[in-house]
Amino acid sequence: MKKKYIIVISLTVILLIAGGVLLLKIQENYKITDKPKVVKGNLCSDICSEDDVKTYYEGIEDAKECKKIGGEPYTYYGWGEFHACLAK
């Protein structure tokens, strides 16, 4: 009888620890981050027109990071390939 309680308590502790670790991993994916500064400017590297003026998050070039903060990944070309994150 005593052995049953020890086994039940041990399993309960293990499940609680595993659940806590799982919750931390899930929470990590949904972290609310401070959004970077929003700026308005030309996103071009060659001949620029008024159509090239966009509102974007300063310093964000990675598409995954951009989507995480609610932006729209944007790629433009000129003297190379450049990436930005448009603010919605």
N, C-alpha and C. Protein backbone atom coordinates (compact mmCIF):
# COMPACT_ATOMS: atom_id res chain seq x y z
N MET A 1 0.82 -1.20 0.00
CA MET A 1 0.00 0.00 0.00
C MET A 1 0.87 1.26 0.00
N LYS A 2 1.91 1.25 0.84
CA LYS A 2 2.82 2.38 0.93
C LYS A 2 3.55 2.59 -0.41
N LYS A 3 3.90 1.48 -1.06
CA LYS A 3 4.59 1.53 -2.34
C LYS A 3 3.75 2.21 -3.42
N LYS A 4 2.43 1.96 -3.39
CA LYS A 4 1.52 2.56 -4.36
C LYS A 4 1.54 4.08 -4.25
N TYR A 5 1.49 4.57 -3.02
CA TYR A 5 1.49 6.02 -2.80
C TYR A 5 2.79 6.66 -3.29
N ILE A 6 3.88 5.99 -3.03
CA ILE A 6 5.18 6.51 -3.47
C ILE A 6 5.23 6.56 -5.00
N ILE A 7 4.73 5.53 -5.65
CA ILE A 7 4.71 5.50 -7.12
C ILE A 7 3.79 6.59 -7.66
N VAL A 8 2.60 6.73 -7.08
CA VAL A 8 1.64 7.75 -7.53
C VAL A 8 2.22 9.15 -7.34
N ILE A 9 2.82 9.40 -6.20
CA ILE A 9 3.40 10.72 -5.92
C ILE A 9 4.57 10.98 -6.87
N SER A 10 5.40 9.99 -7.10
CA SER A 10 6.54 10.14 -8.02
C SER A 10 6.06 10.46 -9.43
N LEU A 11 5.07 9.73 -9.90
CA LEU A 11 4.53 9.99 -11.25
C LEU A 11 3.90 11.38 -11.34
N THR A 12 3.21 11.78 -10.29
CA THR A 12 2.60 13.11 -10.26
C THR A 12 3.66 14.20 -10.35
N VAL A 13 4.72 14.06 -9.59
CA VAL A 13 5.82 15.04 -9.62
C VAL A 13 6.45 15.09 -11.01
N ILE A 14 6.70 13.93 -11.60
CA ILE A 14 7.30 13.88 -12.94
C ILE A 14 6.39 14.56 -13.96
N LEU A 15 5.09 14.27 -13.89
CA LEU A 15 4.14 14.89 -14.83
C LEU A 15 4.07 16.40 -14.64
N LEU A 16 4.10 16.86 -13.40
CA LEU A 16 4.07 18.31 -13.15
C LEU A 16 5.32 19.00 -13.70
N ILE A 17 6.46 18.38 -13.52
CA ILE A 17 7.70 18.96 -14.04
C ILE A 17 7.67 18.98 -15.57
N ALA A 18 7.24 17.87 -16.17
CA ALA A 18 7.16 17.81 -17.64
C ALA A 18 6.17 18.84 -18.17
N GLY A 19 5.05 19.00 -17.51
CA GLY A 19 4.05 20.00 -17.91
C GLY A 19 4.60 21.42 -17.82
N GLY A 20 5.35 21.69 -16.75
CA GLY A 20 5.95 23.02 -16.60
C GLY A 20 6.96 23.32 -17.69
N VAL A 21 7.77 22.35 -18.03
CA VAL A 21 8.76 22.53 -19.11
C VAL A 21 8.05 22.77 -20.43
N LEU A 22 7.00 21.99 -20.68
CA LEU A 22 6.23 22.16 -21.92
C LEU A 22 5.59 23.54 -21.99
N LEU A 23 5.03 24.02 -20.90
CA LEU A 23 4.43 25.36 -20.89
C LEU A 23 5.47 26.44 -21.15
N LEU A 24 6.66 26.29 -20.59
CA LEU A 24 7.72 27.27 -20.84
C LEU A 24 8.11 27.30 -22.31
N LYS A 25 8.19 26.14 -22.95
CA LYS A 25 8.53 26.07 -24.37
C LYS A 25 7.44 26.73 -25.21
N ILE A 26 6.18 26.48 -24.88
CA ILE A 26 5.07 27.08 -25.63
C ILE A 26 5.08 28.59 -25.43
N GLN A 27 5.27 29.04 -24.21
CA GLN A 27 5.27 30.47 -23.91
C GLN A 27 6.41 31.18 -24.65
N GLU A 28 7.54 30.51 -24.79
CA GLU A 28 8.69 31.09 -25.48
C GLU A 28 8.35 31.43 -26.92
N ASN A 29 7.52 30.63 -27.57
CA ASN A 29 7.12 30.89 -28.96
C ASN A 29 6.14 32.04 -29.09
N TYR A 30 5.46 32.40 -28.01
CA TYR A 30 4.45 33.45 -28.07
C TYR A 30 4.83 34.66 -27.23
N LYS A 31 6.11 34.88 -27.07
CA LYS A 31 6.57 36.03 -26.30
C LYS A 31 6.11 37.32 -26.97
N ILE A 32 5.67 38.25 -26.15
CA ILE A 32 5.34 39.57 -26.67
C ILE A 32 6.62 40.38 -26.62
N THR A 33 7.06 40.83 -27.76
CA THR A 33 8.30 41.59 -27.82
C THR A 33 8.01 43.06 -28.08
N ASP A 34 8.90 43.89 -27.64
CA ASP A 34 8.78 45.30 -27.97
C ASP A 34 9.06 45.45 -29.45
N LYS A 35 8.19 46.16 -30.13
CA LYS A 35 8.39 46.35 -31.56
C LYS A 35 9.46 47.42 -31.77
N PRO A 36 10.27 47.23 -32.80
CA PRO A 36 11.30 48.24 -33.08
C PRO A 36 10.66 49.52 -33.64
N LYS A 37 11.47 50.52 -33.75
CA LYS A 37 11.04 51.82 -34.24
C LYS A 37 10.48 51.72 -35.66
N VAL A 38 9.34 52.38 -35.91
CA VAL A 38 8.75 52.43 -37.25
C VAL A 38 9.22 53.71 -37.92
N VAL A 39 9.75 53.56 -39.13
CA VAL A 39 10.24 54.72 -39.88
C VAL A 39 9.62 54.74 -41.27
N LYS A 40 9.64 55.88 -41.89
CA LYS A 40 9.13 56.03 -43.26
C LYS A 40 10.28 56.52 -44.12
N GLY A 41 10.52 55.79 -45.20
CA GLY A 41 11.61 56.19 -46.07
C GLY A 41 11.66 55.37 -47.34
N ASN A 42 12.65 55.67 -48.16
CA ASN A 42 12.81 54.95 -49.42
C ASN A 42 13.42 53.58 -49.17
N LEU A 43 12.81 52.57 -49.76
CA LEU A 43 13.40 51.24 -49.76
C LEU A 43 13.82 50.95 -51.19
N CYS A 44 14.94 51.51 -51.55
CA CYS A 44 15.49 51.30 -52.88
C CYS A 44 17.00 51.50 -52.79
N SER A 45 17.70 51.01 -53.80
CA SER A 45 19.16 51.17 -53.74
C SER A 45 19.72 51.68 -55.06
N ASP A 46 18.86 52.10 -55.94
CA ASP A 46 19.30 52.56 -57.25
C ASP A 46 18.56 53.87 -57.55
N ILE A 47 17.76 53.88 -58.54
CA ILE A 47 16.93 55.04 -58.87
C ILE A 47 15.64 54.93 -58.07
N CYS A 48 15.38 55.93 -57.23
CA CYS A 48 14.24 55.86 -56.32
C CYS A 48 13.11 56.78 -56.79
N SER A 49 11.88 56.32 -56.58
CA SER A 49 10.71 57.13 -56.91
C SER A 49 9.87 57.29 -55.64
N GLU A 50 8.81 58.06 -55.76
CA GLU A 50 7.92 58.24 -54.61
C GLU A 50 7.24 56.94 -54.22
N ASP A 51 7.09 56.00 -55.18
CA ASP A 51 6.47 54.71 -54.89
C ASP A 51 7.35 53.86 -53.96
N ASP A 52 8.63 54.19 -53.88
CA ASP A 52 9.55 53.43 -53.05
C ASP A 52 9.50 53.84 -51.58
N VAL A 53 8.74 54.88 -51.26
CA VAL A 53 8.62 55.32 -49.87
C VAL A 53 7.67 54.37 -49.16
N LYS A 54 8.16 53.73 -48.13
CA LYS A 54 7.39 52.74 -47.37
C LYS A 54 7.53 53.02 -45.87
N THR A 55 6.59 52.49 -45.11
CA THR A 55 6.67 52.54 -43.66
C THR A 55 7.16 51.16 -43.22
N TYR A 56 8.27 51.12 -42.49
CA TYR A 56 8.88 49.84 -42.15
C TYR A 56 9.51 49.87 -40.76
N TYR A 57 9.76 48.66 -40.23
CA TYR A 57 10.43 48.54 -38.94
C TYR A 57 11.93 48.66 -39.15
N GLU A 58 12.54 49.58 -38.44
CA GLU A 58 13.97 49.83 -38.58
C GLU A 58 14.80 48.65 -38.05
N GLY A 59 15.73 48.19 -38.88
CA GLY A 59 16.67 47.17 -38.46
C GLY A 59 16.19 45.73 -38.55
N ILE A 60 14.98 45.48 -39.01
CA ILE A 60 14.46 44.12 -39.12
C ILE A 60 14.57 43.68 -40.58
N GLU A 61 15.39 42.64 -40.82
CA GLU A 61 15.59 42.14 -42.18
C GLU A 61 15.22 40.67 -42.32
N ASP A 62 15.11 39.95 -41.20
CA ASP A 62 14.79 38.53 -41.22
C ASP A 62 13.27 38.33 -41.33
N ALA A 63 12.83 37.52 -42.31
CA ALA A 63 11.40 37.32 -42.56
C ALA A 63 10.68 36.71 -41.36
N LYS A 64 11.33 35.75 -40.70
CA LYS A 64 10.70 35.09 -39.56
C LYS A 64 10.50 36.07 -38.40
N GLU A 65 11.52 36.86 -38.15
CA GLU A 65 11.44 37.86 -37.08
C GLU A 65 10.39 38.92 -37.42
N CYS A 66 10.31 39.27 -38.70
CA CYS A 66 9.34 40.25 -39.17
C CYS A 66 7.91 39.78 -38.91
N LYS A 67 7.63 38.54 -39.28
CA LYS A 67 6.29 37.99 -39.07
C LYS A 67 5.95 37.88 -37.59
N LYS A 68 6.96 37.62 -36.78
CA LYS A 68 6.77 37.47 -35.33
C LYS A 68 6.26 38.77 -34.70
N ILE A 69 6.69 39.91 -35.24
CA ILE A 69 6.24 41.19 -34.69
C ILE A 69 5.06 41.77 -35.45
N GLY A 70 4.51 41.00 -36.40
CA GLY A 70 3.31 41.44 -37.11
C GLY A 70 3.59 42.24 -38.37
N GLY A 71 4.81 42.18 -38.87
CA GLY A 71 5.14 42.91 -40.09
C GLY A 71 5.00 42.04 -41.33
N GLU A 72 5.27 42.65 -42.47
CA GLU A 72 5.20 41.95 -43.76
C GLU A 72 6.59 41.97 -44.40
N PRO A 73 7.21 40.80 -44.58
CA PRO A 73 8.53 40.77 -45.20
C PRO A 73 8.51 41.39 -46.60
N TYR A 74 9.55 42.12 -46.93
CA TYR A 74 9.61 42.83 -48.21
C TYR A 74 11.04 42.72 -48.76
N THR A 75 11.15 42.35 -50.03
CA THR A 75 12.45 42.24 -50.69
C THR A 75 12.49 43.22 -51.85
N TYR A 76 13.60 43.93 -51.97
CA TYR A 76 13.76 44.85 -53.11
C TYR A 76 15.17 44.67 -53.67
N TYR A 77 15.30 45.07 -54.92
CA TYR A 77 16.56 44.84 -55.65
C TYR A 77 17.10 46.16 -56.20
N GLY A 78 18.36 46.21 -56.41
CA GLY A 78 19.04 47.36 -56.99
C GLY A 78 20.47 46.94 -57.24
N TRP A 79 21.36 47.34 -56.35
CA TRP A 79 22.77 46.91 -56.44
C TRP A 79 22.96 45.57 -55.74
N GLY A 80 21.86 44.95 -55.38
CA GLY A 80 21.89 43.66 -54.69
C GLY A 80 20.49 43.31 -54.25
N GLU A 81 20.37 42.32 -53.42
CA GLU A 81 19.07 41.92 -52.87
C GLU A 81 19.00 42.41 -51.43
N PHE A 82 17.93 43.13 -51.09
CA PHE A 82 17.79 43.72 -49.78
C PHE A 82 16.45 43.30 -49.16
N HIS A 83 16.43 43.20 -47.86
CA HIS A 83 15.22 42.77 -47.15
C HIS A 83 14.84 43.80 -46.11
N ALA A 84 13.53 43.97 -45.95
CA ALA A 84 13.00 44.89 -44.94
C ALA A 84 11.72 44.27 -44.37
N CYS A 85 11.17 44.94 -43.39
CA CYS A 85 9.94 44.48 -42.75
C CYS A 85 8.94 45.65 -42.74
N LEU A 86 7.93 45.53 -43.60
CA LEU A 86 6.94 46.60 -43.70
C LEU A 86 6.02 46.57 -42.48
N ALA A 87 5.72 47.74 -41.95
CA ALA A 87 4.79 47.86 -40.84
C ALA A 87 3.38 47.85 -41.42
N LYS A 88 2.52 47.07 -40.82
CA LYS A 88 1.13 46.98 -41.32
C LYS A 88 0.27 48.03 -40.68
